Amino acid sequence: MISRLNLLKMGVAGTAMLAAGKNALAAEPGVSDTPLPRFLDNHRVIVDTDPGNDDATAILMALGAPNLHVEAITVCPGNLGPNYEQQVRNALFLVDLAGHSGKISVHAGMSAPLLHRPYPVATFIHGKYGLGSFQTPDVKQQVSSEHAVDAIRRIVKKYPGEVVIAALGGLTNVAMALLMEPAIAHQIKGIVFVGGPGGAVPGYNYLDDPAAVQVVQN
């Protein structure tokens, strides 16, 4: 079971790692000589997420990083499959846990892949509730009335060339934003997609919504 205290410890430790590794990781030796959009030194971030255990750590790291301004958290289809509302609850809980309740908006978005095709549900990894067997309690903050896709479009247009989307789950929300308003493709600073190594065996977040990956890549 993951306790509230343990989740907080994970976030604090992650923030320290992020700060300490800033100079060491910036050059990415042996990985790429091409500058890539990333968390480091990108001050405006939208975290698009399907909160399971891994995303919980990433969210706490982002909210605790002094060099980042998380503009919003948007919830995409992913780990819990049809139990999408639990992912939204997890996002609200994590914002509250990090001490940002009422300061960082949480937006529900697309609850299923673009073509509504089935995909593997990852409860065998993340547990029934996404955070293991830990049932997130109700928190003071409520989910925003603004749809996640609309929030992405609004924020990118408000800060053209400044926003990096940290896509921690499937790309459904991001793809729909691009389909609805193709012009924002030229206003997004970058997209960091946790899609796996590529090649013959795609990562889980690719399998969530392959059609959305195609939209974003093209």
Foldseek 3Di string as FASTA:
>chain_A
DQDLVNLLVLLVVLLVCCVVCLVVPQCPPPPDNDHADDLRQQAEEEEEEQAAQVVSSVVSNQLPHPRYDYQAYEYDAFQQQQVSVLSQLSVQLSCVSSVNAPPHAYAYADHAAPVNDDFDHNCVPRNNSRVHPDRRDDDDHDHDPDHLLVSVLVVLVVQFLRYEYEYEAAQRSVLVNCVVPVVSLNRHNYYRHPWDDDDPDTRRRCRRYVPSVVSNVD
